[in-house]
């Protein structure tokens, strides 16, 4: 897998988990979904992705 595959998998997992937590636990977990979506949007426009830098430092 290349680094963009890891980013898409992690972001998708975070979104699904936060949606489930928002539905079953508390609605404030939806803000995490918003944050992940906003980060994906800004990284698509600017090309800067903090998760990519973290994954590169981990050696992926």
PDB file of N, CA and C in Angstrom:
ATOM      1  N   UNK A   1       0.846  -1.188   0.000  1.00  0.00           N
ATOM      2  CA  UNK A   1       0.000   0.000   0.000  1.00  0.00           C
ATOM      3  C   UNK A   1       0.887   1.246   0.000  1.00  0.00           C
ATOM      4  N   UNK A   2       0.424   2.244  -0.727  1.00  0.00           N
ATOM      5  CA  UNK A   2       1.128   3.519  -0.697  1.00  0.00           C
ATOM      6  C   UNK A   2       0.506   4.403   0.376  1.00  0.00           C
ATOM      7  N   UNK A   3       1.158   5.511   0.671  1.00  0.00           N
ATOM      8  CA  UNK A   3       0.759   6.336   1.821  1.00  0.00           C
ATOM      9  C   UNK A   3      -0.662   6.905   1.658  1.00  0.00           C
ATOM     10  N   UNK A   4      -1.072   7.201   0.437  1.00  0.00           N
ATOM     11  CA  UNK A   4      -2.426   7.733   0.247  1.00  0.00           C
ATOM     12  C   UNK A   4      -3.484   6.677   0.557  1.00  0.00           C
ATOM     13  N   UNK A   5      -3.162   5.402   0.329  1.00  0.00           N
ATOM     14  CA  UNK A   5      -4.090   4.334   0.701  1.00  0.00           C
ATOM     15  C   UNK A   5      -4.264   4.252   2.211  1.00  0.00           C
ATOM     16  N   UNK A   6      -3.153   4.402   2.937  1.00  0.00           N
ATOM     17  CA  UNK A   6      -3.229   4.419   4.403  1.00  0.00           C
ATOM     18  C   UNK A   6      -4.074   5.599   4.891  1.00  0.00           C
ATOM     19  N   UNK A   7      -3.873   6.766   4.289  1.00  0.00           N
ATOM     20  CA  UNK A   7      -4.618   7.958   4.697  1.00  0.00           C
ATOM     21  C   UNK A   7      -6.110   7.769   4.467  1.00  0.00           C
ATOM     22  N   UNK A   8      -6.475   7.247   3.319  1.00  0.00           N
ATOM     23  CA  UNK A   8      -7.895   7.028   3.025  1.00  0.00           C
ATOM     24  C   UNK A   8      -8.503   5.995   3.962  1.00  0.00           C
ATOM     25  N   UNK A   9      -7.761   4.937   4.268  1.00  0.00           N
ATOM     26  CA  UNK A   9      -8.258   3.897   5.166  1.00  0.00           C
ATOM     27  C   UNK A   9      -8.433   4.428   6.588  1.00  0.00           C
ATOM     28  N   UNK A  10      -7.453   5.164   7.071  1.00  0.00           N
ATOM     29  CA  UNK A  10      -7.530   5.711   8.428  1.00  0.00           C
ATOM     30  C   UNK A  10      -8.635   6.758   8.530  1.00  0.00           C
ATOM     31  N   UNK A  11      -8.718   7.656   7.553  1.00  0.00           N
ATOM     32  CA  UNK A  11      -9.754   8.696   7.582  1.00  0.00           C
ATOM     33  C   UNK A  11     -11.150   8.072   7.501  1.00  0.00           C
ATOM     34  N   UNK A  12     -11.319   7.095   6.639  1.00  0.00           N
ATOM     35  CA  UNK A  12     -12.617   6.424   6.541  1.00  0.00           C
ATOM     36  C   UNK A  12     -12.993   5.715   7.824  1.00  0.00           C
ATOM     37  N   UNK A  13     -12.018   5.085   8.459  1.00  0.00           N
ATOM     38  CA  UNK A  13     -12.275   4.414   9.730  1.00  0.00           C
ATOM     39  C   UNK A  13     -12.662   5.408  10.816  1.00  0.00           C
ATOM     40  N   UNK A  14     -11.934   6.534  10.877  1.00  0.00           N
ATOM     41  CA  UNK A  14     -12.260   7.564  11.863  1.00  0.00           C
ATOM     42  C   UNK A  14     -13.674   8.100  11.661  1.00  0.00           C
ATOM     43  N   UNK A  15     -14.060   8.312  10.419  1.00  0.00           N
ATOM     44  CA  UNK A  15     -15.399   8.835  10.135  1.00  0.00           C
ATOM     45  C   UNK A  15     -16.466   7.830  10.559  1.00  0.00           C
ATOM     46  N   UNK A  16     -16.288   6.564  10.190  1.00  0.00           N
ATOM     47  CA  UNK A  16     -17.277   5.554  10.564  1.00  0.00           C
ATOM     48  C   UNK A  16     -17.372   5.377  12.071  1.00  0.00           C
ATOM     49  N   UNK A  17     -16.232   5.345  12.747  1.00  0.00           N
ATOM     50  CA  UNK A  17     -16.236   5.196  14.205  1.00  0.00           C
ATOM     51  C   UNK A  17     -16.905   6.379  14.882  1.00  0.00           C
ATOM     52  N   UNK A  18     -16.611   7.592  14.419  1.00  0.00           N
ATOM     53  CA  UNK A  18     -17.215   8.767  15.056  1.00  0.00           C
ATOM     54  C   UNK A  18     -18.715   8.845  14.772  1.00  0.00           C
ATOM     55  N   UNK A  19     -19.153   8.380  13.619  1.00  0.00           N
ATOM     56  CA  UNK A  19     -20.588   8.343  13.358  1.00  0.00           C
ATOM     57  C   UNK A  19     -21.308   7.363  14.280  1.00  0.00           C
ATOM     58  N   UNK A  20     -20.715   6.208  14.492  1.00  0.00           N
ATOM     59  CA  UNK A  20     -21.306   5.222  15.403  1.00  0.00           C
ATOM     60  C   UNK A  20     -21.319   5.767  16.827  1.00  0.00           C
ATOM     61  N   UNK A  21     -20.203   6.368  17.257  1.00  0.00           N
ATOM     62  CA  UNK A  21     -20.151   6.938  18.606  1.00  0.00           C
ATOM     63  C   UNK A  21     -21.137   8.091  18.759  1.00  0.00           C
ATOM     64  N   UNK A  22     -21.292   8.892  17.718  1.00  0.00           N
ATOM     65  CA  UNK A  22     -22.246   9.992  17.773  1.00  0.00           C
ATOM     66  C   UNK A  22     -23.676   9.510  17.886  1.00  0.00           C
ATOM     67  N   UNK A  23     -23.964   8.409  17.249  1.00  0.00           N
ATOM     68  CA  UNK A  23     -25.329   7.873  17.293  1.00  0.00           C
ATOM     69  C   UNK A  23     -25.628   7.191  18.628  1.00  0.00           C
ATOM     70  N   UNK A  24     -24.667   6.408  19.116  1.00  0.00           N
ATOM     71  CA  UNK A  24     -24.925   5.604  20.311  1.00  0.00           C
ATOM     72  C   UNK A  24     -24.493   6.259  21.620  1.00  0.00           C
ATOM     73  N   UNK A  25     -23.455   7.100  21.609  1.00  0.00           N
ATOM     74  CA  UNK A  25     -22.907   7.636  22.850  1.00  0.00           C
ATOM     75  C   UNK A  25     -23.352   9.082  23.069  1.00  0.00           C
ATOM     76  N   UNK A  26     -22.840   9.996  22.222  1.00  0.00           N
ATOM     77  CA  UNK A  26     -23.165  11.405  22.375  1.00  0.00           C
ATOM     78  C   UNK A  26     -22.991  12.109  21.044  1.00  0.00           C
ATOM     79  N   UNK A  27     -23.856  13.069  20.790  1.00  0.00           N
ATOM     80  CA  UNK A  27     -23.850  13.746  19.493  1.00  0.00           C
ATOM     81  C   UNK A  27     -22.621  14.622  19.265  1.00  0.00           C
ATOM     82  N   UNK A  28     -21.865  14.927  20.295  1.00  0.00           N
ATOM     83  CA  UNK A  28     -20.647  15.729  20.114  1.00  0.00           C
ATOM     84  C   UNK A  28     -19.561  14.997  19.334  1.00  0.00           C
ATOM     85  N   UNK A  29     -19.674  13.679  19.209  1.00  0.00           N
ATOM     86  CA  UNK A  29     -18.712  12.939  18.393  1.00  0.00           C
ATOM     87  C   UNK A  29     -18.828  13.305  16.916  1.00  0.00           C
ATOM     88  N   UNK A  30     -19.940  13.898  16.513  1.00  0.00           N
ATOM     89  CA  UNK A  30     -20.087  14.341  15.122  1.00  0.00           C
ATOM     90  C   UNK A  30     -19.107  15.466  14.789  1.00  0.00           C
ATOM     91  N   UNK A  31     -18.654  16.207  15.793  1.00  0.00           N
ATOM     92  CA  UNK A  31     -17.650  17.243  15.545  1.00  0.00           C
ATOM     93  C   UNK A  31     -16.334  16.623  15.080  1.00  0.00           C
ATOM     94  N   UNK A  32     -16.025  15.418  15.559  1.00  0.00           N
ATOM     95  CA  UNK A  32     -14.828  14.729  15.094  1.00  0.00           C
ATOM     96  C   UNK A  32     -14.964  14.358  13.615  1.00  0.00           C
ATOM     97  N   UNK A  33     -16.162  13.926  13.219  1.00  0.00           N
ATOM     98  CA  UNK A  33     -16.425  13.646  11.803  1.00  0.00           C
ATOM     99  C   UNK A  33     -16.209  14.896  10.976  1.00  0.00           C
ATOM    100  N   UNK A  34     -16.706  16.025  11.454  1.00  0.00           N
ATOM    101  CA  UNK A  34     -16.526  17.298  10.767  1.00  0.00           C
ATOM    102  C   UNK A  34     -15.043  17.655  10.649  1.00  0.00           C
ATOM    103  N   UNK A  35     -14.279  17.448  11.723  1.00  0.00           N
ATOM    104  CA  UNK A  35     -12.853  17.761  11.720  1.00  0.00           C
ATOM    105  C   UNK A  35     -12.097  16.910  10.705  1.00  0.00           C
ATOM    106  N   UNK A  36     -12.397  15.620  10.648  1.00  0.00           N
ATOM    107  CA  UNK A  36     -11.726  14.746   9.687  1.00  0.00           C
ATOM    108  C   UNK A  36     -12.080  15.164   8.252  1.00  0.00           C
ATOM    109  N   UNK A  37     -13.345  15.445   8.010  1.00  0.00           N
ATOM    110  CA  UNK A  37     -13.756  15.893   6.684  1.00  0.00           C
ATOM    111  C   UNK A  37     -13.115  17.209   6.294  1.00  0.00           C
ATOM    112  N   UNK A  38     -13.029  18.127   7.229  1.00  0.00           N
ATOM    113  CA  UNK A  38     -12.397  19.420   6.969  1.00  0.00           C
ATOM    114  C   UNK A  38     -10.907  19.248   6.667  1.00  0.00           C
ATOM    115  N   UNK A  39     -10.247  18.352   7.393  1.00  0.00           N
ATOM    116  CA  UNK A  39      -8.840  18.094   7.144  1.00  0.00           C
ATOM    117  C   UNK A  39      -8.633  17.463   5.765  1.00  0.00           C
ATOM    118  N   UNK A  40      -9.503  16.554   5.365  1.00  0.00           N
ATOM    119  CA  UNK A  40      -9.409  15.964   4.028  1.00  0.00           C
ATOM    120  C   UNK A  40      -9.612  17.028   2.959  1.00  0.00           C
ATOM    121  N   UNK A  41     -10.541  17.928   3.191  1.00  0.00           N
ATOM    122  CA  UNK A  41     -10.807  19.006   2.241  1.00  0.00           C
ATOM    123  C   UNK A  41      -9.603  19.926   2.091  1.00  0.00           C
ATOM    124  N   UNK A  42      -9.026  20.371   3.211  1.00  0.00           N
ATOM    125  CA  UNK A  42      -7.892  21.289   3.126  1.00  0.00           C
ATOM    126  C   UNK A  42      -6.663  20.610   2.554  1.00  0.00           C
ATOM    127  N   UNK A  43      -6.477  19.319   2.828  1.00  0.00           N
ATOM    128  CA  UNK A  43      -5.314  18.633   2.262  1.00  0.00           C
ATOM    129  C   UNK A  43      -5.481  18.423   0.759  1.00  0.00           C
ATOM    130  N   UNK A  44      -6.706  18.288   0.299  1.00  0.00           N
ATOM    131  CA  UNK A  44      -6.946  18.185  -1.132  1.00  0.00           C
ATOM    132  C   UNK A  44      -6.657  19.480  -1.859  1.00  0.00           C
ATOM    133  N   UNK A  45      -6.939  20.594  -1.208  1.00  0.00           N
ATOM    134  CA  UNK A  45      -6.706  21.900  -1.823  1.00  0.00           C
ATOM    135  C   UNK A  45      -5.241  22.319  -1.701  1.00  0.00           C
ATOM    136  N   UNK A  46      -4.675  22.180  -0.501  1.00  0.00           N
ATOM    137  CA  UNK A  46      -3.332  22.708  -0.266  1.00  0.00           C
ATOM    138  C   UNK A  46      -2.218  21.696  -0.507  1.00  0.00           C
ATOM    139  N   UNK A  47      -2.535  20.416  -0.442  1.00  0.00           N
ATOM    140  CA  UNK A  47      -1.505  19.396  -0.588  1.00  0.00           C
ATOM    141  C   UNK A  47      -0.775  19.071   0.694  1.00  0.00           C
ATOM    142  N   UNK A  48      -1.111  19.738   1.787  1.00  0.00           N
ATOM    143  CA  UNK A  48      -0.486  19.486   3.083  1.00  0.00           C
ATOM    144  C   UNK A  48      -1.382  18.578   3.915  1.00  0.00           C
ATOM    145  N   UNK A  49      -0.838  17.447   4.342  1.00  0.00           N
ATOM    146  CA  UNK A  49      -1.599  16.512   5.160  1.00  0.00           C
ATOM    147  C   UNK A  49      -0.771  16.124   6.383  1.00  0.00           C
ATOM    148  N   UNK A  50      -1.224  16.501   7.570  1.00  0.00           N
ATOM    149  CA  UNK A  50      -0.478  16.168   8.788  1.00  0.00           C
ATOM    150  C   UNK A  50      -0.335  14.656   8.990  1.00  0.00           C
ATOM    151  N   UNK A  51      -1.363  13.891   8.638  1.00  0.00           N
ATOM    152  CA  UNK A  51      -1.293  12.444   8.804  1.00  0.00           C
ATOM    153  C   UNK A  51      -0.218  11.841   7.908  1.00  0.00           C
ATOM    154  N   UNK A  52      -0.022  12.381   6.730  1.00  0.00           N
ATOM    155  CA  UNK A  52       1.027  11.889   5.838  1.00  0.00           C
ATOM    156  C   UNK A  52       2.400  12.082   6.460  1.00  0.00           C
ATOM    157  N   UNK A  53       2.615  13.226   7.077  1.00  0.00           N
ATOM    158  CA  UNK A  53       3.903  13.484   7.737  1.00  0.00           C
ATOM    159  C   UNK A  53       4.113  12.510   8.904  1.00  0.00           C
ATOM    160  N   UNK A  54       3.069  12.236   9.666  1.00  0.00           N
ATOM    161  CA  UNK A  54       3.173  11.300  10.783  1.00  0.00           C
ATOM    162  C   UNK A  54       3.492   9.898  10.273  1.00  0.00           C
ATOM    163  N   UNK A  55       2.810   9.480   9.228  1.00  0.00           N
ATOM    164  CA  UNK A  55       3.044   8.140   8.675  1.00  0.00           C
ATOM    165  C   UNK A  55       4.448   8.007   8.084  1.00  0.00           C
ATOM    166  N   UNK A  56       4.937   9.072   7.468  1.00  0.00           N
ATOM    167  CA  UNK A  56       6.295   9.041   6.912  1.00  0.00           C
ATOM    168  C   UNK A  56       7.321   8.912   8.021  1.00  0.00           C
ATOM    169  N   UNK A  57       7.110   9.605   9.134  1.00  0.00           N
ATOM    170  CA  UNK A  57       8.041   9.513  10.280  1.00  0.00           C
ATOM    171  C   UNK A  57       8.005   8.131  10.911  1.00  0.00           C
ATOM    172  N   UNK A  58       6.852   7.449  10.795  1.00  0.00           N
ATOM    173  CA  UNK A  58       6.735   6.089  11.327  1.00  0.00           C
ATOM    174  C   UNK A  58       7.388   5.070  10.402  1.00  0.00           C
ATOM    175  N   UNK A  59       7.766   5.490   9.203  1.00  0.00           N
ATOM    176  CA  UNK A  59       8.456   4.606   8.292  1.00  0.00           C
ATOM    177  C   UNK A  59       7.591   3.927   7.259  1.00  0.00           C
ATOM    178  N   UNK A  60       6.380   4.401   7.079  1.00  0.00           N
ATOM    179  CA  UNK A  60       5.499   3.773   6.076  1.00  0.00           C
ATOM    180  C   UNK A  60       5.775   4.347   4.722  1.00  0.00           C
TER     181      UNK A  60
END
